[in-house]
Amino acid sequence: ALGLIEGLRERGLDVPGDVSVIGVDDSLPGRLSRPKLTTITMPTAAAGRMAVDLLLASVAAGEAAPRTTARLETHLVIRESTQRASSP
């Protein structure tokens, strides 16, 4: 997302005036950038634990784990890289 913002600026576009940009992961560079990056946060540690648990269960069973759907809570953190779209 930060590279996208840089590329948009090089083309004379303003973020968020012309284009809104959202990132995923709430990285430190996004929190320190100008404009500060709007982001979606997710519990990466919980996702990692789920993946390891599924892998270990597959190894213990000697076969692939059945297809599983898991939902992790995410949050939208609105900062400076987005704004309401203007009417045409």
PDB file of N, CA and C in Angstrom:
ATOM      1  N   ALA A   1       0.823  -1.189   0.000  1.00  0.00           N
ATOM      2  CA  ALA A   1       0.000   0.000   0.000  1.00  0.00           C
ATOM      3  C   ALA A   1       0.871   1.259   0.000  1.00  0.00           C
ATOM      4  N   LEU A   2       1.976   1.215   0.748  1.00  0.00           N
ATOM      5  CA  LEU A   2       2.846   2.393   0.788  1.00  0.00           C
ATOM      6  C   LEU A   2       3.497   2.639  -0.568  1.00  0.00           C
ATOM      7  N   GLY A   3       3.861   1.576  -1.266  1.00  0.00           N
ATOM      8  CA  GLY A   3       4.406   1.715  -2.616  1.00  0.00           C
ATOM      9  C   GLY A   3       3.368   2.274  -3.572  1.00  0.00           C
ATOM     10  N   LEU A   4       2.129   1.867  -3.394  1.00  0.00           N
ATOM     11  CA  LEU A   4       1.042   2.395  -4.219  1.00  0.00           C
ATOM     12  C   LEU A   4       0.883   3.896  -3.992  1.00  0.00           C
ATOM     13  N   ILE A   5       0.903   4.310  -2.730  1.00  0.00           N
ATOM     14  CA  ILE A   5       0.786   5.741  -2.424  1.00  0.00           C
ATOM     15  C   ILE A   5       1.917   6.512  -3.091  1.00  0.00           C
ATOM     16  N   GLU A   6       3.122   5.981  -3.005  1.00  0.00           N
ATOM     17  CA  GLU A   6       4.271   6.638  -3.639  1.00  0.00           C
ATOM     18  C   GLU A   6       4.071   6.750  -5.152  1.00  0.00           C
ATOM     19  N   GLY A   7       3.619   5.667  -5.769  1.00  0.00           N
ATOM     20  CA  GLY A   7       3.381   5.679  -7.210  1.00  0.00           C
ATOM     21  C   GLY A   7       2.289   6.658  -7.613  1.00  0.00           C
ATOM     22  N   LEU A   8       1.242   6.746  -6.810  1.00  0.00           N
ATOM     23  CA  LEU A   8       0.166   7.698  -7.097  1.00  0.00           C
ATOM     24  C   LEU A   8       0.680   9.134  -7.016  1.00  0.00           C
ATOM     25  N   ARG A   9       1.492   9.398  -6.001  1.00  0.00           N
ATOM     26  CA  ARG A   9       2.072  10.745  -5.863  1.00  0.00           C
ATOM     27  C   ARG A   9       2.941  11.094  -7.067  1.00  0.00           C
ATOM     28  N   GLU A  10       3.736  10.124  -7.532  1.00  0.00           N
ATOM     29  CA  GLU A  10       4.601  10.359  -8.695  1.00  0.00           C
ATOM     30  C   GLU A  10       3.784  10.722  -9.932  1.00  0.00           C
ATOM     31  N   ARG A  11       2.541  10.286  -9.961  1.00  0.00           N
ATOM     32  CA  ARG A  11       1.657  10.572 -11.096  1.00  0.00           C
ATOM     33  C   ARG A  11       0.778  11.795 -10.836  1.00  0.00           C
ATOM     34  N   GLY A  12       1.072  12.508  -9.754  1.00  0.00           N
ATOM     35  CA  GLY A  12       0.341  13.733  -9.455  1.00  0.00           C
ATOM     36  C   GLY A  12      -1.000  13.540  -8.780  1.00  0.00           C
ATOM     37  N   LEU A  13      -1.243  12.343  -8.257  1.00  0.00           N
ATOM     38  CA  LEU A  13      -2.508  12.076  -7.579  1.00  0.00           C
ATOM     39  C   LEU A  13      -2.335  12.211  -6.071  1.00  0.00           C
ATOM     40  N   ASP A  14      -3.382  12.691  -5.418  1.00  0.00           N
ATOM     41  CA  ASP A  14      -3.363  12.904  -3.975  1.00  0.00           C
ATOM     42  C   ASP A  14      -4.072  11.763  -3.261  1.00  0.00           C
ATOM     43  N   VAL A  15      -3.468  11.300  -2.188  1.00  0.00           N
ATOM     44  CA  VAL A  15      -4.092  10.311  -1.305  1.00  0.00           C
ATOM     45  C   VAL A  15      -4.368  11.036   0.005  1.00  0.00           C
ATOM     46  N   PRO A  16      -5.606  11.134   0.429  1.00  0.00           N
ATOM     47  CA  PRO A  16      -6.805  10.489  -0.076  1.00  0.00           C
ATOM     48  C   PRO A  16      -7.661  11.347  -0.999  1.00  0.00           C
ATOM     49  N   GLY A  17      -7.213  12.535  -1.370  1.00  0.00           N
ATOM     50  CA  GLY A  17      -8.049  13.431  -2.174  1.00  0.00           C
ATOM     51  C   GLY A  17      -8.553  12.827  -3.467  1.00  0.00           C
ATOM     52  N   ASP A  18      -7.648  12.173  -4.223  1.00  0.00           N
ATOM     53  CA  ASP A  18      -8.028  11.560  -5.499  1.00  0.00           C
ATOM     54  C   ASP A  18      -8.300  10.066  -5.375  1.00  0.00           C
ATOM     55  N   VAL A  19      -7.531   9.393  -4.535  1.00  0.00           N
ATOM     56  CA  VAL A  19      -7.625   7.939  -4.387  1.00  0.00           C
ATOM     57  C   VAL A  19      -7.472   7.586  -2.912  1.00  0.00           C
ATOM     58  N   SER A  20      -8.359   6.742  -2.399  1.00  0.00           N
ATOM     59  CA  SER A  20      -8.212   6.216  -1.040  1.00  0.00           C
ATOM     60  C   SER A  20      -7.429   4.915  -1.102  1.00  0.00           C
ATOM     61  N   VAL A  21      -6.578   4.683  -0.110  1.00  0.00           N
ATOM     62  CA  VAL A  21      -5.748   3.479  -0.077  1.00  0.00           C
ATOM     63  C   VAL A  21      -5.881   2.828   1.299  1.00  0.00           C
ATOM     64  N   ILE A  22      -6.054   1.512   1.303  1.00  0.00           N
ATOM     65  CA  ILE A  22      -6.151   0.741   2.543  1.00  0.00           C
ATOM     66  C   ILE A  22      -5.101  -0.356   2.505  1.00  0.00           C
ATOM     67  N   GLY A  23      -4.426  -0.566   3.627  1.00  0.00           N
ATOM     68  CA  GLY A  23      -3.463  -1.650   3.756  1.00  0.00           C
ATOM     69  C   GLY A  23      -4.009  -2.738   4.662  1.00  0.00           C
ATOM     70  N   VAL A  24      -3.249  -3.807   4.777  1.00  0.00           N
ATOM     71  CA  VAL A  24      -3.613  -4.907   5.664  1.00  0.00           C
ATOM     72  C   VAL A  24      -2.389  -5.265   6.480  1.00  0.00           C
ATOM     73  N   ASP A  25      -2.500  -5.253   7.769  1.00  0.00           N
ATOM     74  CA  ASP A  25      -1.503  -5.746   8.731  1.00  0.00           C
ATOM     75  C   ASP A  25      -1.083  -4.725   9.770  1.00  0.00           C
ATOM     76  N   ASP A  26      -1.452  -3.475   9.606  1.00  0.00           N
ATOM     77  CA  ASP A  26      -1.147  -2.434  10.589  1.00  0.00           C
ATOM     78  C   ASP A  26       0.344  -2.365  10.911  1.00  0.00           C
ATOM     79  N   SER A  27       1.156  -2.351   9.875  1.00  0.00           N
ATOM     80  CA  SER A  27       2.605  -2.306  10.076  1.00  0.00           C
ATOM     81  C   SER A  27       3.040  -0.939  10.595  1.00  0.00           C
ATOM     82  N   LEU A  28       4.184  -0.918  11.263  1.00  0.00           N
ATOM     83  CA  LEU A  28       4.730   0.327  11.800  1.00  0.00           C
ATOM     84  C   LEU A  28       4.954   1.371  10.707  1.00  0.00           C
ATOM     85  N   PRO A  29       5.534   1.002   9.557  1.00  0.00           N
ATOM     86  CA  PRO A  29       5.706   2.021   8.515  1.00  0.00           C
ATOM     87  C   PRO A  29       4.383   2.676   8.099  1.00  0.00           C
ATOM     88  N   GLY A  30       3.313   1.922   8.066  1.00  0.00           N
ATOM     89  CA  GLY A  30       2.011   2.480   7.712  1.00  0.00           C
ATOM     90  C   GLY A  30       1.492   3.450   8.756  1.00  0.00           C
ATOM     91  N   ARG A  31       1.823   3.176  10.016  1.00  0.00           N
ATOM     92  CA  ARG A  31       1.401   4.069  11.096  1.00  0.00           C
ATOM     93  C   ARG A  31       2.214   5.353  11.113  1.00  0.00           C
ATOM     94  N   LEU A  32       3.431   5.298  10.575  1.00  0.00           N
ATOM     95  CA  LEU A  32       4.316   6.460  10.586  1.00  0.00           C
ATOM     96  C   LEU A  32       4.291   7.248   9.279  1.00  0.00           C
ATOM     97  N   SER A  33       3.690   6.684   8.237  1.00  0.00           N
ATOM     98  CA  SER A  33       3.715   7.321   6.913  1.00  0.00           C
ATOM     99  C   SER A  33       2.853   8.575   6.884  1.00  0.00           C
ATOM    100  N   ARG A  34       3.032   9.351   5.830  1.00  0.00           N
ATOM    101  CA  ARG A  34       2.194  10.525   5.583  1.00  0.00           C
ATOM    102  C   ARG A  34       1.549  10.358   4.228  1.00  0.00           C
ATOM    103  N   PRO A  35       0.270  10.193   4.101  1.00  0.00           N
ATOM    104  CA  PRO A  35      -0.690  10.141   5.189  1.00  0.00           C
ATOM    105  C   PRO A  35      -0.591   8.813   5.942  1.00  0.00           C
ATOM    106  N   LYS A  36      -1.024   8.815   7.201  1.00  0.00           N
ATOM    107  CA  LYS A  36      -1.044   7.568   7.966  1.00  0.00           C
ATOM    108  C   LYS A  36      -2.020   6.610   7.279  1.00  0.00           C
ATOM    109  N   LEU A  37      -1.604   5.359   7.157  1.00  0.00           N
ATOM    110  CA  LEU A  37      -2.336   4.376   6.359  1.00  0.00           C
ATOM    111  C   LEU A  37      -3.527   3.788   7.107  1.00  0.00           C
ATOM    112  N   THR A  38      -4.710   3.910   6.499  1.00  0.00           N
ATOM    113  CA  THR A  38      -5.880   3.183   6.987  1.00  0.00           C
ATOM    114  C   THR A  38      -5.592   1.703   6.770  1.00  0.00           C
ATOM    115  N   THR A  39      -5.977   0.856   7.727  1.00  0.00           N
ATOM    116  CA  THR A  39      -5.576  -0.543   7.641  1.00  0.00           C
ATOM    117  C   THR A  39      -6.632  -1.476   8.213  1.00  0.00           C
ATOM    118  N   ILE A  40      -6.497  -2.724   7.868  1.00  0.00           N
ATOM    119  CA  ILE A  40      -7.308  -3.781   8.462  1.00  0.00           C
ATOM    120  C   ILE A  40      -6.372  -4.594   9.340  1.00  0.00           C
ATOM    121  N   THR A  41      -6.724  -4.714  10.614  1.00  0.00           N
ATOM    122  CA  THR A  41      -5.907  -5.516  11.525  1.00  0.00           C
ATOM    123  C   THR A  41      -6.519  -6.903  11.647  1.00  0.00           C
ATOM    124  N   MET A  42      -5.671  -7.871  11.918  1.00  0.00           N
ATOM    125  CA  MET A  42      -6.147  -9.227  12.154  1.00  0.00           C
ATOM    126  C   MET A  42      -5.221  -9.906  13.152  1.00  0.00           C
ATOM    127  N   PRO A  43      -5.744 -10.879  13.868  1.00  0.00           N
ATOM    128  CA  PRO A  43      -4.934 -11.550  14.883  1.00  0.00           C
ATOM    129  C   PRO A  43      -3.983 -12.568  14.243  1.00  0.00           C
ATOM    130  N   THR A  44      -2.828 -12.113  13.814  1.00  0.00           N
ATOM    131  CA  THR A  44      -1.900 -12.993  13.104  1.00  0.00           C
ATOM    132  C   THR A  44      -1.389 -14.125  13.986  1.00  0.00           C
ATOM    133  N   ALA A  45      -1.211 -13.874  15.279  1.00  0.00           N
ATOM    134  CA  ALA A  45      -0.754 -14.944  16.174  1.00  0.00           C
ATOM    135  C   ALA A  45      -1.807 -16.048  16.254  1.00  0.00           C
ATOM    136  N   ALA A  46      -3.071 -15.674  16.358  1.00  0.00           N
ATOM    137  CA  ALA A  46      -4.150 -16.666  16.408  1.00  0.00           C
ATOM    138  C   ALA A  46      -4.237 -17.436  15.096  1.00  0.00           C
ATOM    139  N   ALA A  47      -4.062 -16.756  13.978  1.00  0.00           N
ATOM    140  CA  ALA A  47      -4.079 -17.432  12.675  1.00  0.00           C
ATOM    141  C   ALA A  47      -2.931 -18.423  12.580  1.00  0.00           C
ATOM    142  N   GLY A  48      -1.769 -18.040  13.053  1.00  0.00           N
ATOM    143  CA  GLY A  48      -0.615 -18.939  13.051  1.00  0.00           C
ATOM    144  C   GLY A  48      -0.848 -20.163  13.915  1.00  0.00           C
ATOM    145  N   ARG A  49      -1.424 -19.947  15.103  1.00  0.00           N
ATOM    146  CA  ARG A  49      -1.723 -21.081  15.994  1.00  0.00           C
ATOM    147  C   ARG A  49      -2.706 -22.040  15.337  1.00  0.00           C
ATOM    148  N   MET A  50      -3.736 -21.502  14.698  1.00  0.00           N
ATOM    149  CA  MET A  50      -4.713 -22.361  14.009  1.00  0.00           C
ATOM    150  C   MET A  50      -4.038 -23.189  12.925  1.00  0.00           C
ATOM    151  N   ALA A  51      -3.172 -22.558  12.154  1.00  0.00           N
ATOM    152  CA  ALA A  51      -2.482 -23.262  11.073  1.00  0.00           C
ATOM    153  C   ALA A  51      -1.600 -24.374  11.622  1.00  0.00           C
ATOM    154  N   VAL A  52      -0.866 -24.094  12.683  1.00  0.00           N
ATOM    155  CA  VAL A  52       0.005 -25.112  13.285  1.00  0.00           C
ATOM    156  C   VAL A  52      -0.833 -26.243  13.857  1.00  0.00           C
ATOM    157  N   ASP A  53      -1.929 -25.919  14.537  1.00  0.00           N
ATOM    158  CA  ASP A  53      -2.804 -26.962  15.089  1.00  0.00           C
ATOM    159  C   ASP A  53      -3.337 -27.875  13.989  1.00  0.00           C
ATOM    160  N   LEU A  54      -3.762 -27.298  12.865  1.00  0.00           N
ATOM    161  CA  LEU A  54      -4.255 -28.112  11.751  1.00  0.00           C
ATOM    162  C   LEU A  54      -3.148 -28.982  11.168  1.00  0.00           C
ATOM    163  N   LEU A  55      -1.961 -28.420  11.035  1.00  0.00           N
ATOM    164  CA  LEU A  55      -0.830 -29.176  10.507  1.00  0.00           C
ATOM    165  C   LEU A  55      -0.479 -30.336  11.424  1.00  0.00           C
ATOM    166  N   LEU A  56      -0.403 -30.083  12.723  1.00  0.00           N
ATOM    167  CA  LEU A  56      -0.075 -31.150  13.673  1.00  0.00           C
ATOM    168  C   LEU A  56      -1.150 -32.231  13.692  1.00  0.00           C
ATOM    169  N   ALA A  57      -2.410 -31.845  13.586  1.00  0.00           N
ATOM    170  CA  ALA A  57      -3.494 -32.830  13.535  1.00  0.00           C
ATOM    171  C   ALA A  57      -3.377 -33.692  12.284  1.00  0.00           C
ATOM    172  N   SER A  58      -3.006 -33.088  11.162  1.00  0.00           N
ATOM    173  CA  SER A  58      -2.825 -33.843   9.920  1.00  0.00           C
ATOM    174  C   SER A  58      -1.680 -34.829  10.039  1.00  0.00           C
ATOM    175  N   VAL A  59      -0.574 -34.389  10.624  1.00  0.00           N
ATOM    176  CA  VAL A  59       0.589 -35.268  10.797  1.00  0.00           C
ATOM    177  C   VAL A  59       0.230 -36.421  11.723  1.00  0.00           C
ATOM    178  N   ALA A  60      -0.460 -36.138  12.820  1.00  0.00           N
ATOM    179  CA  ALA A  60      -0.837 -37.182  13.771  1.00  0.00           C
ATOM    180  C   ALA A  60      -1.796 -38.187  13.147  1.00  0.00           C
ATOM    181  N   ALA A  61      -2.694 -37.723  12.293  1.00  0.00           N
ATOM    182  CA  ALA A  61      -3.673 -38.606  11.658  1.00  0.00           C
ATOM    183  C   ALA A  61      -3.091 -39.334  10.456  1.00  0.00           C
ATOM    184  N   GLY A  62      -1.950 -38.868   9.963  1.00  0.00           N
ATOM    185  CA  GLY A  62      -1.343 -39.494   8.799  1.00  0.00           C
ATOM    186  C   GLY A  62      -2.044 -39.157   7.493  1.00  0.00           C
ATOM    187  N   GLU A  63      -2.887 -38.157   7.506  1.00  0.00           N
ATOM    188  CA  GLU A  63      -3.588 -37.736   6.294  1.00  0.00           C
ATOM    189  C   GLU A  63      -3.913 -36.251   6.396  1.00  0.00           C
ATOM    190  N   ALA A  64      -4.278 -35.694   5.281  1.00  0.00           N
ATOM    191  CA  ALA A  64      -4.607 -34.269   5.266  1.00  0.00           C
ATOM    192  C   ALA A  64      -5.839 -34.001   6.118  1.00  0.00           C
ATOM    193  N   ALA A  65      -5.816 -32.901   6.814  1.00  0.00           N
ATOM    194  CA  ALA A  65      -6.976 -32.510   7.613  1.00  0.00           C
ATOM    195  C   ALA A  65      -8.126 -32.175   6.675  1.00  0.00           C
ATOM    196  N   PRO A  66      -9.351 -32.436   7.117  1.00  0.00           N
ATOM    197  CA  PRO A  66     -10.489 -32.068   6.276  1.00  0.00           C
ATOM    198  C   PRO A  66     -10.522 -30.551   6.077  1.00  0.00           C
ATOM    199  N   ARG A  67     -11.119 -30.149   4.983  1.00  0.00           N
ATOM    200  CA  ARG A  67     -11.233 -28.716   4.697  1.00  0.00           C
ATOM    201  C   ARG A  67     -11.951 -28.034   5.861  1.00  0.00           C
ATOM    202  N   THR A  68     -11.380 -26.949   6.324  1.00  0.00           N
ATOM    203  CA  THR A  68     -11.901 -26.256   7.498  1.00  0.00           C
ATOM    204  C   THR A  68     -12.080 -24.781   7.194  1.00  0.00           C
ATOM    205  N   THR A  69     -13.133 -24.225   7.730  1.00  0.00           N
ATOM    206  CA  THR A  69     -13.339 -22.788   7.631  1.00  0.00           C
ATOM    207  C   THR A  69     -13.201 -22.199   9.023  1.00  0.00           C
ATOM    208  N   ALA A  70     -12.405 -21.165   9.135  1.00  0.00           N
ATOM    209  CA  ALA A  70     -12.233 -20.485  10.419  1.00  0.00           C
ATOM    210  C   ALA A  70     -12.447 -18.998  10.207  1.00  0.00           C
ATOM    211  N   ARG A  71     -13.013 -18.372  11.185  1.00  0.00           N
ATOM    212  CA  ARG A  71     -13.225 -16.925  11.114  1.00  0.00           C
ATOM    213  C   ARG A  71     -12.402 -16.261  12.206  1.00  0.00           C
ATOM    214  N   LEU A  72     -11.669 -15.256  11.794  1.00  0.00           N
ATOM    215  CA  LEU A  72     -10.884 -14.479  12.735  1.00  0.00           C
ATOM    216  C   LEU A  72     -11.426 -13.053  12.741  1.00  0.00           C
ATOM    217  N   GLU A  73     -11.481 -12.469  13.901  1.00  0.00           N
ATOM    218  CA  GLU A  73     -12.002 -11.112  14.018  1.00  0.00           C
ATOM    219  C   GLU A  73     -11.002 -10.111  13.447  1.00  0.00           C
ATOM    220  N   THR A  74     -11.485  -9.241  12.601  1.00  0.00           N
ATOM    221  CA  THR A  74     -10.649  -8.189  12.025  1.00  0.00           C
ATOM    222  C   THR A  74     -11.249  -6.834  12.392  1.00  0.00           C
ATOM    223  N   HIS A  75     -10.429  -5.804  12.275  1.00  0.00           N
ATOM    224  CA  HIS A  75     -10.897  -4.454  12.589  1.00  0.00           C
ATOM    225  C   HIS A  75     -10.381  -3.490  11.531  1.00  0.00           C
ATOM    226  N   LEU A  76     -11.222  -2.564  11.161  1.00  0.00           N
ATOM    227  CA  LEU A  76     -10.823  -1.488  10.266  1.00  0.00           C
ATOM    228  C   LEU A  76     -10.349  -0.322  11.126  1.00  0.00           C
ATOM    229  N   VAL A  77      -9.109   0.104  10.904  1.00  0.00           N
ATOM    230  CA  VAL A  77      -8.540   1.237  11.628  1.00  0.00           C
ATOM    231  C   VAL A  77      -8.453   2.395  10.635  1.00  0.00           C
ATOM    232  N   ILE A  78      -9.343   3.353  10.794  1.00  0.00           N
ATOM    233  CA  ILE A  78      -9.401   4.468   9.850  1.00  0.00           C
ATOM    234  C   ILE A  78      -8.387   5.528  10.256  1.00  0.00           C
ATOM    235  N   ARG A  79      -7.494   5.819   9.316  1.00  0.00           N
ATOM    236  CA  ARG A  79      -6.492   6.853   9.549  1.00  0.00           C
ATOM    237  C   ARG A  79      -6.639   7.919   8.461  1.00  0.00           C
ATOM    238  N   GLU A  80      -5.545   8.316   7.848  1.00  0.00           N
ATOM    239  CA  GLU A  80      -5.567   9.472   6.949  1.00  0.00           C
ATOM    240  C   GLU A  80      -5.571   9.133   5.458  1.00  0.00           C
ATOM    241  N   SER A  81      -5.430   7.878   5.081  1.00  0.00           N
ATOM    242  CA  SER A  81      -5.293   7.545   3.657  1.00  0.00           C
ATOM    243  C   SER A  81      -6.622   7.254   2.964  1.00  0.00           C
ATOM    244  N   THR A  82      -7.720   7.461   3.683  1.00  0.00           N
ATOM    245  CA  THR A  82      -9.043   7.264   3.094  1.00  0.00           C
ATOM    246  C   THR A  82      -9.938   8.438   3.455  1.00  0.00           C
ATOM    247  N   GLN A  83     -10.923   8.653   2.612  1.00  0.00           N
ATOM    248  CA  GLN A  83     -11.958   9.639   2.917  1.00  0.00           C
ATOM    249  C   GLN A  83     -13.211   9.263   2.148  1.00  0.00           C
ATOM    250  N   ARG A  84     -14.315   9.835   2.551  1.00  0.00           N
ATOM    251  CA  ARG A  84     -15.592   9.580   1.886  1.00  0.00           C
ATOM    252  C   ARG A  84     -15.496  10.016   0.424  1.00  0.00           C
ATOM    253  N   ALA A  85     -16.027   9.188  -0.461  1.00  0.00           N
ATOM    254  CA  ALA A  85     -16.018   9.522  -1.890  1.00  0.00           C
ATOM    255  C   ALA A  85     -16.925  10.715  -2.147  1.00  0.00           C
ATOM    256  N   SER A  86     -16.474  11.589  -3.015  1.00  0.00           N
ATOM    257  CA  SER A  86     -17.299  12.754  -3.359  1.00  0.00           C
ATOM    258  C   SER A  86     -18.342  12.355  -4.392  1.00  0.00           C
ATOM    259  N   SER A  87     -19.440  13.068  -4.416  1.00  0.00           N
ATOM    260  CA  SER A  87     -20.501  12.798  -5.392  1.00  0.00           C
ATOM    261  C   SER A  87     -20.066  13.278  -6.770  1.00  0.00           C
ATOM    262  N   PRO A  88     -20.487  12.551  -7.823  1.00  0.00           N
ATOM    263  CA  PRO A  88     -20.105  12.962  -9.187  1.00  0.00           C
ATOM    264  C   PRO A  88     -20.705  14.289  -9.588  1.00  0.00           C
TER     265      PRO A  88
END
